[in-house]
PDB file of N, CA and C in Angstrom:
ATOM      1  N   MET A   1      -4.022  -9.931 -15.225  1.00  0.00           N
ATOM      2  CA  MET A   1      -3.590 -10.404 -14.608  1.00  0.00           C
ATOM      3  C   MET A   1      -2.246  -9.363 -13.970  1.00  0.00           C
ATOM      4  N   VAL A   2      -2.339  -9.556 -13.071  1.00  0.00           N
ATOM      5  CA  VAL A   2      -1.048  -8.038 -12.015  1.00  0.00           C
ATOM      6  C   VAL A   2      -0.450  -9.040 -11.151  1.00  0.00           C
ATOM      7  N   LYS A   3       0.706  -9.143 -10.543  1.00  0.00           N
ATOM      8  CA  LYS A   3       1.215  -9.549  -9.953  1.00  0.00           C
ATOM      9  C   LYS A   3       1.626  -8.560  -8.839  1.00  0.00           C
ATOM     10  N   TYR A   4       1.531  -8.618  -7.924  1.00  0.00           N
ATOM     11  CA  TYR A   4       1.954  -7.741  -6.556  1.00  0.00           C
ATOM     12  C   TYR A   4       2.693  -8.159  -5.548  1.00  0.00           C
ATOM     13  N   ARG A   5       3.523  -6.977  -4.797  1.00  0.00           N
ATOM     14  CA  ARG A   5       4.306  -7.660  -3.586  1.00  0.00           C
ATOM     15  C   ARG A   5       3.719  -7.170  -2.755  1.00  0.00           C
ATOM     16  N   ILE A   6       3.734  -7.335  -1.194  1.00  0.00           N
ATOM     17  CA  ILE A   6       3.052  -6.012  -0.391  1.00  0.00           C
ATOM     18  C   ILE A   6       4.570  -5.921   0.804  1.00  0.00           C
ATOM     19  N   SER A   7       4.776  -5.019   1.077  1.00  0.00           N
ATOM     20  CA  SER A   7       6.433  -4.936   1.749  1.00  0.00           C
ATOM     21  C   SER A   7       6.007  -4.506   3.239  1.00  0.00           C
ATOM     22  N   GLY A   8       4.832  -3.927   3.570  1.00  0.00           N
ATOM     23  CA  GLY A   8       4.807  -3.205   4.822  1.00  0.00           C
ATOM     24  C   GLY A   8       3.140  -2.829   5.280  1.00  0.00           C
ATOM     25  N   VAL A   9       2.696  -2.631   6.217  1.00  0.00           N
ATOM     26  CA  VAL A   9       1.188  -1.784   6.371  1.00  0.00           C
ATOM     27  C   VAL A   9       1.558  -0.717   7.530  1.00  0.00           C
ATOM     28  N   TRP A  10       0.211  -0.198   7.684  1.00  0.00           N
ATOM     29  CA  TRP A  10       0.118   0.612   8.455  1.00  0.00           C
ATOM     30  C   TRP A  10      -1.025   0.535   9.472  1.00  0.00           C
ATOM     31  N   LYS A  11      -0.840   0.654  10.451  1.00  0.00           N
ATOM     32  CA  LYS A  11      -1.793   0.140  11.249  1.00  0.00           C
ATOM     33  C   LYS A  11      -2.610   1.290  12.682  1.00  0.00           C
ATOM     34  N   ASP A  12      -3.851   1.520  13.087  1.00  0.00           N
ATOM     35  CA  ASP A  12      -4.297   2.369  13.555  1.00  0.00           C
ATOM     36  C   ASP A  12      -4.260   1.778  15.139  1.00  0.00           C
ATOM     37  N   MET A  13      -4.526   3.020  16.381  1.00  0.00           N
ATOM     38  CA  MET A  13      -4.690   2.660  17.430  1.00  0.00           C
ATOM     39  C   MET A  13      -4.235   1.782  18.282  1.00  0.00           C
ATOM     40  N   ASN A  14      -5.541   0.703  17.695  1.00  0.00           N
ATOM     41  CA  ASN A  14      -5.471  -0.378  18.118  1.00  0.00           C
ATOM     42  C   ASN A  14      -4.883  -1.804  17.597  1.00  0.00           C
ATOM     43  N   ASN A  15      -3.869  -1.219  16.861  1.00  0.00           N
ATOM     44  CA  ASN A  15      -3.058  -2.265  16.342  1.00  0.00           C
ATOM     45  C   ASN A  15      -3.371  -2.889  14.866  1.00  0.00           C
ATOM     46  N   VAL A  16      -4.498  -2.513  14.427  1.00  0.00           N
ATOM     47  CA  VAL A  16      -5.272  -3.160  13.575  1.00  0.00           C
ATOM     48  C   VAL A  16      -4.623  -2.436  12.013  1.00  0.00           C
ATOM     49  N   ILE A  17      -4.390  -3.293  11.051  1.00  0.00           N
ATOM     50  CA  ILE A  17      -3.644  -3.415   9.866  1.00  0.00           C
ATOM     51  C   ILE A  17      -4.988  -2.207   9.226  1.00  0.00           C
ATOM     52  N   THR A  18      -4.503  -1.170   8.647  1.00  0.00           N
ATOM     53  CA  THR A  18      -5.581   0.038   8.011  1.00  0.00           C
ATOM     54  C   THR A  18      -5.392  -0.034   6.256  1.00  0.00           C
ATOM     55  N   HIS A  19      -3.506   0.052   6.152  1.00  0.00           N
ATOM     56  CA  HIS A  19      -3.319   0.395   4.659  1.00  0.00           C
ATOM     57  C   HIS A  19      -2.125  -0.964   4.644  1.00  0.00           C
ATOM     58  N   TYR A  20      -1.710  -1.248   3.369  1.00  0.00           N
ATOM     59  CA  TYR A  20      -0.890  -2.352   2.882  1.00  0.00           C
ATOM     60  C   TYR A  20       0.070  -0.695   2.089  1.00  0.00           C
ATOM     61  N   ALA A  21       1.422  -1.677   1.665  1.00  0.00           N
ATOM     62  CA  ALA A  21       2.984  -0.991   0.825  1.00  0.00           C
ATOM     63  C   ALA A  21       2.597  -2.241  -0.205  1.00  0.00           C
ATOM     64  N   PHE A  22       1.673  -1.590  -1.342  1.00  0.00           N
ATOM     65  CA  PHE A  22       1.780  -2.524  -2.348  1.00  0.00           C
ATOM     66  C   PHE A  22       3.125  -2.060  -3.333  1.00  0.00           C
ATOM     67  N   HIS A  23       3.207  -2.824  -4.054  1.00  0.00           N
ATOM     68  CA  HIS A  23       4.311  -3.169  -5.224  1.00  0.00           C
ATOM     69  C   HIS A  23       3.983  -3.630  -6.861  1.00  0.00           C
ATOM     70  N   THR A  24       3.800  -3.092  -7.463  1.00  0.00           N
ATOM     71  CA  THR A  24       3.448  -3.739  -8.925  1.00  0.00           C
ATOM     72  C   THR A  24       4.440  -4.712  -9.496  1.00  0.00           C
ATOM     73  N   VAL A  25       4.431  -5.876  -9.735  1.00  0.00           N
ATOM     74  CA  VAL A  25       5.576  -6.655 -10.421  1.00  0.00           C
ATOM     75  C   VAL A  25       5.672  -6.607 -12.013  1.00  0.00           C
ATOM     76  N   SER A  26       6.346  -6.018 -12.753  1.00  0.00           N
ATOM     77  CA  SER A  26       6.826  -6.249 -14.334  1.00  0.00           C
ATOM     78  C   SER A  26       7.633  -7.150 -14.252  1.00  0.00           C
ATOM     79  N   GLU A  27       8.276  -7.426 -15.526  1.00  0.00           N
ATOM     80  CA  GLU A  27       8.836  -8.321 -16.163  1.00  0.00           C
ATOM     81  C   GLU A  27      10.200  -8.058 -15.651  1.00  0.00           C
ATOM     82  N   ASN A  28      10.824  -6.643 -15.689  1.00  0.00           N
ATOM     83  CA  ASN A  28      11.974  -6.237 -15.485  1.00  0.00           C
ATOM     84  C   ASN A  28      12.248  -5.659 -13.911  1.00  0.00           C
ATOM     85  N   THR A  29      11.184  -5.037 -13.183  1.00  0.00           N
ATOM     86  CA  THR A  29      11.127  -4.060 -12.251  1.00  0.00           C
ATOM     87  C   THR A  29      10.061  -4.525 -11.493  1.00  0.00           C
ATOM     88  N   ILE A  30      10.115  -3.871  -9.937  1.00  0.00           N
ATOM     89  CA  ILE A  30       9.051  -3.662  -8.798  1.00  0.00           C
ATOM     90  C   ILE A  30       8.934  -2.262  -9.057  1.00  0.00           C
ATOM     91  N   SER A  31       7.729  -2.047  -8.682  1.00  0.00           N
ATOM     92  CA  SER A  31       7.546  -0.206  -8.658  1.00  0.00           C
ATOM     93  C   SER A  31       7.859  -0.230  -6.962  1.00  0.00           C
ATOM     94  N   ARG A  32       7.948   1.272  -6.671  1.00  0.00           N
ATOM     95  CA  ARG A  32       7.982   1.972  -5.580  1.00  0.00           C
ATOM     96  C   ARG A  32       6.558   1.709  -5.072  1.00  0.00           C
ATOM     97  N   ALA A  33       6.501   1.497  -3.415  1.00  0.00           N
ATOM     98  CA  ALA A  33       5.392   0.978  -2.721  1.00  0.00           C
ATOM     99  C   ALA A  33       4.515   2.391  -3.305  1.00  0.00           C
ATOM    100  N   VAL A  34       3.329   1.758  -2.996  1.00  0.00           N
ATOM    101  CA  VAL A  34       1.828   2.723  -3.363  1.00  0.00           C
ATOM    102  C   VAL A  34       1.129   2.230  -2.041  1.00  0.00           C
ATOM    103  N   LYS A  35       0.541   3.054  -1.245  1.00  0.00           N
ATOM    104  CA  LYS A  35      -0.238   3.336  -0.041  1.00  0.00           C
ATOM    105  C   LYS A  35      -1.653   2.685  -0.748  1.00  0.00           C
ATOM    106  N   LYS A  36      -2.334   1.598   0.083  1.00  0.00           N
ATOM    107  CA  LYS A  36      -3.360   1.047  -0.301  1.00  0.00           C
ATOM    108  C   LYS A  36      -4.212   1.230   0.990  1.00  0.00           C
ATOM    109  N   THR A  37      -5.103   1.711   0.523  1.00  0.00           N
ATOM    110  CA  THR A  37      -6.335   1.047   2.165  1.00  0.00           C
ATOM    111  C   THR A  37      -6.987  -0.392   1.944  1.00  0.00           C
ATOM    112  N   LYS A  38      -7.313  -0.775   3.106  1.00  0.00           N
ATOM    113  CA  LYS A  38      -7.745  -1.992   3.118  1.00  0.00           C
ATOM    114  C   LYS A  38      -9.006  -2.283   2.288  1.00  0.00           C
ATOM    115  N   ALA A  39      -9.709  -1.716   1.554  1.00  0.00           N
ATOM    116  CA  ALA A  39     -11.251  -1.699   0.530  1.00  0.00           C
ATOM    117  C   ALA A  39     -10.189  -1.695  -0.702  1.00  0.00           C
ATOM    118  N   GLU A  40      -8.725  -1.034  -0.647  1.00  0.00           N
ATOM    119  CA  GLU A  40      -8.746  -0.856  -2.176  1.00  0.00           C
ATOM    120  C   GLU A  40      -7.534  -2.298  -2.405  1.00  0.00           C
ATOM    121  N   ALA A  41      -6.925  -2.867  -1.315  1.00  0.00           N
ATOM    122  CA  ALA A  41      -6.034  -3.966  -1.292  1.00  0.00           C
ATOM    123  C   ALA A  41      -7.296  -5.415  -1.501  1.00  0.00           C
ATOM    124  N   ILE A  42      -8.112  -5.021  -0.998  1.00  0.00           N
ATOM    125  CA  ILE A  42      -9.234  -6.209  -1.092  1.00  0.00           C
ATOM    126  C   ILE A  42      -9.678  -6.222  -2.630  1.00  0.00           C
ATOM    127  N   LYS A  43     -10.097  -4.902  -3.117  1.00  0.00           N
ATOM    128  CA  LYS A  43     -10.928  -5.168  -4.359  1.00  0.00           C
ATOM    129  C   LYS A  43      -9.704  -5.503  -5.335  1.00  0.00           C
ATOM    130  N   LEU A  44      -8.068  -5.190  -5.307  1.00  0.00           N
ATOM    131  CA  LEU A  44      -7.319  -5.204  -6.274  1.00  0.00           C
ATOM    132  C   LEU A  44      -7.103  -6.734  -6.347  1.00  0.00           C
ATOM    133  N   LEU A  45      -7.063  -7.599  -5.002  1.00  0.00           N
ATOM    134  CA  LEU A  45      -6.795  -9.067  -5.087  1.00  0.00           C
ATOM    135  C   LEU A  45      -8.046  -9.752  -5.383  1.00  0.00           C
ATOM    136  N   GLU A  46      -9.109  -9.157  -5.074  1.00  0.00           N
ATOM    137  CA  GLU A  46     -10.313 -10.126  -5.230  1.00  0.00           C
ATOM    138  C   GLU A  46     -10.553 -10.501  -7.558  1.00  0.00           C
ATOM    139  N   THR A  47      -9.374  -9.073  -8.069  1.00  0.00           N
ATOM    140  CA  THR A  47      -9.775  -9.238  -9.434  1.00  0.00           C
ATOM    141  C   THR A  47      -9.253 -10.565 -10.035  1.00  0.00           C
ATOM    142  N   TYR A  48     -10.165 -10.931 -10.689  1.00  0.00           N
ATOM    143  CA  TYR A  48      -9.935 -12.155 -11.188  1.00  0.00           C
ATOM    144  C   TYR A  48      -8.236 -12.344 -11.798  1.00  0.00           C
ATOM    145  N   GLY A  49      -7.222 -13.131 -11.344  1.00  0.00           N
ATOM    146  CA  GLY A  49      -6.190 -13.078 -12.084  1.00  0.00           C
ATOM    147  C   GLY A  49      -5.034 -12.346 -11.365  1.00  0.00           C
ATOM    148  N   ASN A  50      -5.233 -11.814 -10.638  1.00  0.00           N
ATOM    149  CA  ASN A  50      -4.412 -11.104 -10.040  1.00  0.00           C
ATOM    150  C   ASN A  50      -3.867 -11.786  -8.284  1.00  0.00           C
ATOM    151  N   THR A  51      -2.603 -11.213  -8.085  1.00  0.00           N
ATOM    152  CA  THR A  51      -1.797 -12.225  -6.816  1.00  0.00           C
ATOM    153  C   THR A  51      -1.067 -11.295  -6.233  1.00  0.00           C
ATOM    154  N   ALA A  52      -0.923 -11.926  -5.023  1.00  0.00           N
ATOM    155  CA  ALA A  52       0.086 -10.995  -4.317  1.00  0.00           C
ATOM    156  C   ALA A  52       1.009 -12.152  -3.462  1.00  0.00           C
ATOM    157  N   THR A  53       1.837 -11.665  -2.829  1.00  0.00           N
ATOM    158  CA  THR A  53       2.930 -12.391  -1.949  1.00  0.00           C
ATOM    159  C   THR A  53       3.731 -11.123  -1.068  1.00  0.00           C
ATOM    160  N   THR A  54       3.941 -11.325   0.088  1.00  0.00           N
ATOM    161  CA  THR A  54       4.725 -10.777   1.078  1.00  0.00           C
ATOM    162  C   THR A  54       6.054 -10.413   0.307  1.00  0.00           C
ATOM    163  N   TRP A  55       6.825  -9.896   1.083  1.00  0.00           N
ATOM    164  CA  TRP A  55       7.854  -9.396   0.401  1.00  0.00           C
ATOM    165  C   TRP A  55       8.480  -8.726   1.630  1.00  0.00           C
ATOM    166  N   VAL A  56       9.498  -9.329   2.216  1.00  0.00           N
ATOM    167  CA  VAL A  56       9.922  -9.168   3.214  1.00  0.00           C
ATOM    168  C   VAL A  56      11.786  -8.989   3.392  1.00  0.00           C
ATOM    169  N   TRP A  57      11.897  -7.910   4.096  1.00  0.00           N
ATOM    170  CA  TRP A  57      13.203  -7.749   4.197  1.00  0.00           C
ATOM    171  C   TRP A  57      14.208  -8.681   4.825  1.00  0.00           C
ATOM    172  N   ASN A  58      15.265  -9.139   4.437  1.00  0.00           N
ATOM    173  CA  ASN A  58      16.005 -10.463   4.832  1.00  0.00           C
ATOM    174  C   ASN A  58      17.309  -9.493   5.496  1.00  0.00           C
ATOM    175  N   TYR A  59      16.973  -9.244   6.592  1.00  0.00           N
ATOM    176  CA  TYR A  59      18.626  -8.602   7.153  1.00  0.00           C
ATOM    177  C   TYR A  59      19.530  -9.489   7.120  1.00  0.00           C
ATOM    178  N   ASN A  60      19.872 -10.188   7.034  1.00  0.00           N
ATOM    179  CA  ASN A  60      20.974 -11.187   7.006  1.00  0.00           C
ATOM    180  C   ASN A  60      21.669 -10.682   5.793  1.00  0.00           C
ATOM    181  N   GLN A  61      20.716 -10.930   4.688  1.00  0.00           N
ATOM    182  CA  GLN A  61      21.361 -10.711   3.591  1.00  0.00           C
ATOM    183  C   GLN A  61      21.401  -9.602   2.542  1.00  0.00           C
ATOM    184  N   SER A  62      20.843  -8.147   3.397  1.00  0.00           N
ATOM    185  CA  SER A  62      20.374  -7.032   3.113  1.00  0.00           C
ATOM    186  C   SER A  62      19.993  -6.950   1.474  1.00  0.00           C
ATOM    187  N   PHE A  63      18.573  -7.608   1.441  1.00  0.00           N
ATOM    188  CA  PHE A  63      17.808  -8.110   0.286  1.00  0.00           C
ATOM    189  C   PHE A  63      16.165  -8.312   0.694  1.00  0.00           C
ATOM    190  N   TRP A  64      15.637  -8.156  -0.323  1.00  0.00           N
ATOM    191  CA  TRP A  64      14.009  -8.199  -0.668  1.00  0.00           C
ATOM    192  C   TRP A  64      13.970  -9.959  -0.724  1.00  0.00           C
ATOM    193  N   SER A  65      13.084 -10.563   0.028  1.00  0.00           N
ATOM    194  CA  SER A  65      13.292 -12.049  -0.461  1.00  0.00           C
ATOM    195  C   SER A  65      11.396 -12.107  -0.615  1.00  0.00           C
ATOM    196  N   ILE A  66      11.210 -12.881  -1.440  1.00  0.00           N
ATOM    197  CA  ILE A  66       9.498 -13.284  -1.795  1.00  0.00           C
ATOM    198  C   ILE A  66       9.358 -13.929  -0.604  1.00  0.00           C
ATOM    199  N   GLY A  67       7.959 -13.761  -0.143  1.00  0.00           N
ATOM    200  CA  GLY A  67       7.105 -14.823   1.297  1.00  0.00           C
ATOM    201  C   GLY A  67       6.094 -15.188   0.889  1.00  0.00           C
ATOM    202  N   GLU A  68       5.080 -15.427   1.764  1.00  0.00           N
ATOM    203  CA  GLU A  68       4.150 -16.106   1.568  1.00  0.00           C
ATOM    204  C   GLU A  68       3.075 -15.884   0.705  1.00  0.00           C
ATOM    205  N   ASN A  69       2.033 -16.563  -0.144  1.00  0.00           N
ATOM    206  CA  ASN A  69       1.034 -16.122  -0.943  1.00  0.00           C
ATOM    207  C   ASN A  69       0.045 -15.367   0.194  1.00  0.00           C
ATOM    208  N   ILE A  70      -0.764 -14.366  -0.451  1.00  0.00           N
ATOM    209  CA  ILE A  70      -1.339 -13.466   0.433  1.00  0.00           C
ATOM    210  C   ILE A  70      -2.914 -13.438  -0.423  1.00  0.00           C
ATOM    211  N   GLU A  71      -4.048 -13.942   0.185  1.00  0.00           N
ATOM    212  CA  GLU A  71      -5.357 -13.803  -0.374  1.00  0.00           C
ATOM    213  C   GLU A  71      -6.335 -13.301   0.558  1.00  0.00           C
ATOM    214  N   VAL A  72      -7.744 -13.383  -0.185  1.00  0.00           N
ATOM    215  CA  VAL A  72      -8.511 -12.682   0.800  1.00  0.00           C
ATOM    216  C   VAL A  72      -9.276 -13.520   1.411  1.00  0.00           C
ATOM    217  N   VAL A  73     -10.196 -13.701   2.802  1.00  0.00           N
ATOM    218  CA  VAL A  73     -10.779 -14.068   3.383  1.00  0.00           C
ATOM    219  C   VAL A  73     -12.026 -13.513   3.907  1.00  0.00           C
ATOM    220  N   ASN A  74     -13.215 -13.818   3.902  1.00  0.00           N
ATOM    221  CA  ASN A  74     -13.995 -13.205   4.900  1.00  0.00           C
ATOM    222  C   ASN A  74     -13.896 -13.743   6.305  1.00  0.00           C
ATOM    223  N   GLY A  75     -13.754 -13.106   7.582  1.00  0.00           N
ATOM    224  CA  GLY A  75     -13.728 -13.559   8.350  1.00  0.00           C
ATOM    225  C   GLY A  75     -15.050 -13.121   9.329  1.00  0.00           C
ATOM    226  N   SER A  76     -15.242 -13.445  10.873  1.00  0.00           N
ATOM    227  CA  SER A  76     -15.927 -12.760  11.344  1.00  0.00           C
ATOM    228  C   SER A  76     -16.624 -11.269  11.374  1.00  0.00           C
ATOM    229  N   ASP A  77     -15.454 -10.376  11.141  1.00  0.00           N
ATOM    230  CA  ASP A  77     -15.503  -9.218  10.716  1.00  0.00           C
ATOM    231  C   ASP A  77     -15.425  -8.433   9.631  1.00  0.00           C
ATOM    232  N   GLY A  78     -15.566  -9.052   8.811  1.00  0.00           N
ATOM    233  CA  GLY A  78     -15.472  -8.618   7.487  1.00  0.00           C
ATOM    234  C   GLY A  78     -14.657  -9.251   6.682  1.00  0.00           C
ATOM    235  N   LYS A  79     -13.929  -8.832   5.233  1.00  0.00           N
ATOM    236  CA  LYS A  79     -12.863  -9.052   4.875  1.00  0.00           C
ATOM    237  C   LYS A  79     -11.512  -8.682   5.298  1.00  0.00           C
ATOM    238  N   TYR A  80     -11.040  -9.453   4.876  1.00  0.00           N
ATOM    239  CA  TYR A  80      -9.240  -9.272   4.950  1.00  0.00           C
ATOM    240  C   TYR A  80      -8.038  -9.921   4.494  1.00  0.00           C
ATOM    241  N   LEU A  81      -6.673  -9.522   4.603  1.00  0.00           N
ATOM    242  CA  LEU A  81      -5.780 -10.220   3.778  1.00  0.00           C
ATOM    243  C   LEU A  81      -5.245 -11.260   4.529  1.00  0.00           C
ATOM    244  N   ARG A  82      -4.700 -12.048   4.062  1.00  0.00           N
ATOM    245  CA  ARG A  82      -4.445 -13.143   4.977  1.00  0.00           C
ATOM    246  C   ARG A  82      -3.207 -14.004   4.558  1.00  0.00           C
ATOM    247  N   SER A  83      -1.957 -14.059   4.994  1.00  0.00           N
ATOM    248  CA  SER A  83      -0.949 -14.785   4.034  1.00  0.00           C
ATOM    249  C   SER A  83      -1.005 -16.331   4.420  1.00  0.00           C
ATOM    250  N   ASN A  84      -0.411 -17.443   3.999  1.00  0.00           N
ATOM    251  CA  ASN A  84      -0.565 -18.506   4.007  1.00  0.00           C
ATOM    252  C   ASN A  84      -1.313 -19.123   5.511  1.00  0.00           C
ATOM    253  N   PRO A  85      -2.573 -19.110   5.466  1.00  0.00           N
ATOM    254  CA  PRO A  85      -3.307 -19.602   6.497  1.00  0.00           C
ATOM    255  C   PRO A  85      -2.377 -20.516   7.458  1.00  0.00           C
ATOM    256  N   ASN A  86      -2.567 -20.496   8.713  1.00  0.00           N
ATOM    257  CA  ASN A  86      -1.948 -21.306   9.756  1.00  0.00           C
ATOM    258  C   ASN A  86      -0.923 -22.035   9.341  1.00  0.00           C
ATOM    259  N   GLU A  87       0.239 -22.055   8.526  1.00  0.00           N
ATOM    260  CA  GLU A  87       0.965 -22.747   8.018  1.00  0.00           C
ATOM    261  C   GLU A  87       2.747 -22.257   8.354  1.00  0.00           C
ATOM    262  N   LYS A  88       2.330 -20.783   8.720  1.00  0.00           N
ATOM    263  CA  LYS A  88       3.609 -20.325   9.082  1.00  0.00           C
ATOM    264  C   LYS A  88       3.098 -19.554  10.228  1.00  0.00           C
ATOM    265  N   ILE A  89       4.154 -19.252  10.787  1.00  0.00           N
ATOM    266  CA  ILE A  89       4.270 -18.527  12.503  1.00  0.00           C
ATOM    267  C   ILE A  89       3.647 -16.970  12.348  1.00  0.00           C
ATOM    268  N   THR A  90       3.681 -16.451  10.937  1.00  0.00           N
ATOM    269  CA  THR A  90       3.377 -15.155  10.658  1.00  0.00           C
ATOM    270  C   THR A  90       1.964 -15.023  11.183  1.00  0.00           C
ATOM    271  N   ASP A  91       1.855 -13.288  11.172  1.00  0.00           N
ATOM    272  CA  ASP A  91       0.390 -13.098  11.778  1.00  0.00           C
ATOM    273  C   ASP A  91      -0.663 -12.454  10.805  1.00  0.00           C
ATOM    274  N   ASN A  92      -1.239 -13.035   9.495  1.00  0.00           N
ATOM    275  CA  ASN A  92      -1.566 -12.148   8.552  1.00  0.00           C
ATOM    276  C   ASN A  92      -1.190 -10.546   8.077  1.00  0.00           C
ATOM    277  N   LEU A  93       0.190 -10.821   7.758  1.00  0.00           N
ATOM    278  CA  LEU A  93       0.795  -9.710   7.373  1.00  0.00           C
ATOM    279  C   LEU A  93       1.558  -8.593   8.521  1.00  0.00           C
ATOM    280  N   GLY A  94       0.892  -8.608   9.779  1.00  0.00           N
ATOM    281  CA  GLY A  94       1.412  -7.915  10.999  1.00  0.00           C
ATOM    282  C   GLY A  94       2.772  -8.156  11.054  1.00  0.00           C
ATOM    283  N   HIS A  95       3.290  -9.133  10.428  1.00  0.00           N
ATOM    284  CA  HIS A  95       4.697  -9.315  10.552  1.00  0.00           C
ATOM    285  C   HIS A  95       5.523  -8.672   9.857  1.00  0.00           C
ATOM    286  N   LEU A  96       5.038  -8.167   8.794  1.00  0.00           N
ATOM    287  CA  LEU A  96       5.895  -6.870   8.074  1.00  0.00           C
ATOM    288  C   LEU A  96       6.176  -5.504   8.040  1.00  0.00           C
ATOM    289  N   ILE A  97       7.214  -4.947   7.847  1.00  0.00           N
ATOM    290  CA  ILE A  97       7.233  -3.611   8.033  1.00  0.00           C
ATOM    291  C   ILE A  97       6.419  -2.585   8.468  1.00  0.00           C
ATOM    292  N   ASP A  98       6.232  -2.063   9.678  1.00  0.00           N
ATOM    293  CA  ASP A  98       5.355  -0.920  10.109  1.00  0.00           C
ATOM    294  C   ASP A  98       5.809   0.023   9.635  1.00  0.00           C
ATOM    295  N   PHE A  99       4.928   0.890   8.760  1.00  0.00           N
ATOM    296  CA  PHE A  99       5.404   1.722   7.715  1.00  0.00           C
ATOM    297  C   PHE A  99       5.065   3.091   8.912  1.00  0.00           C
ATOM    298  N   ASP A 100       4.128   3.068   9.704  1.00  0.00           N
ATOM    299  CA  ASP A 100       3.462   4.164  10.573  1.00  0.00           C
ATOM    300  C   ASP A 100       4.282   5.415  10.635  1.00  0.00           C
ATOM    301  N   TRP A 101       5.740   5.146  10.502  1.00  0.00           N
ATOM    302  CA  TRP A 101       6.400   6.771  10.656  1.00  0.00           C
ATOM    303  C   TRP A 101       6.358   7.415   9.539  1.00  0.00           C
ATOM    304  N   ILE A 102       5.748   6.812   8.017  1.00  0.00           N
ATOM    305  CA  ILE A 102       6.404   7.494   7.353  1.00  0.00           C
ATOM    306  C   ILE A 102       4.338   7.873   7.129  1.00  0.00           C
ATOM    307  N   ASN A 103       4.274   9.221   6.944  1.00  0.00           N
ATOM    308  CA  ASN A 103       3.195   9.732   6.937  1.00  0.00           C
ATOM    309  C   ASN A 103       2.549   9.567   5.078  1.00  0.00           C
ATOM    310  N   PRO A 104       1.206   9.616   5.254  1.00  0.00           N
ATOM    311  CA  PRO A 104       0.776   9.191   4.207  1.00  0.00           C
ATOM    312  C   PRO A 104       1.909   9.263   2.738  1.00  0.00           C
TER     313      PRO A 104
END
């Protein structure tokens, strides 16, 4: 059982998320971000017992805040990650920091 936080995304030219910034949560620390492909992210979160939440930068407090639970869903175009479905204004992790300015 591994807990993850996802703090950001990378998108393609069509504004579709292709990669995620994964952090591993341990008892005393949270790892630096590791860039995971969509397929890798899905595999990690489909592993029994693994969980993930969004990790959102709070600009008012200058601190990271734990956000929404993330799940794998099977949509019409295949599997993808989704945050609390239809319960928040956020757009299936599209609201996270856009890390496109960071090269691989």
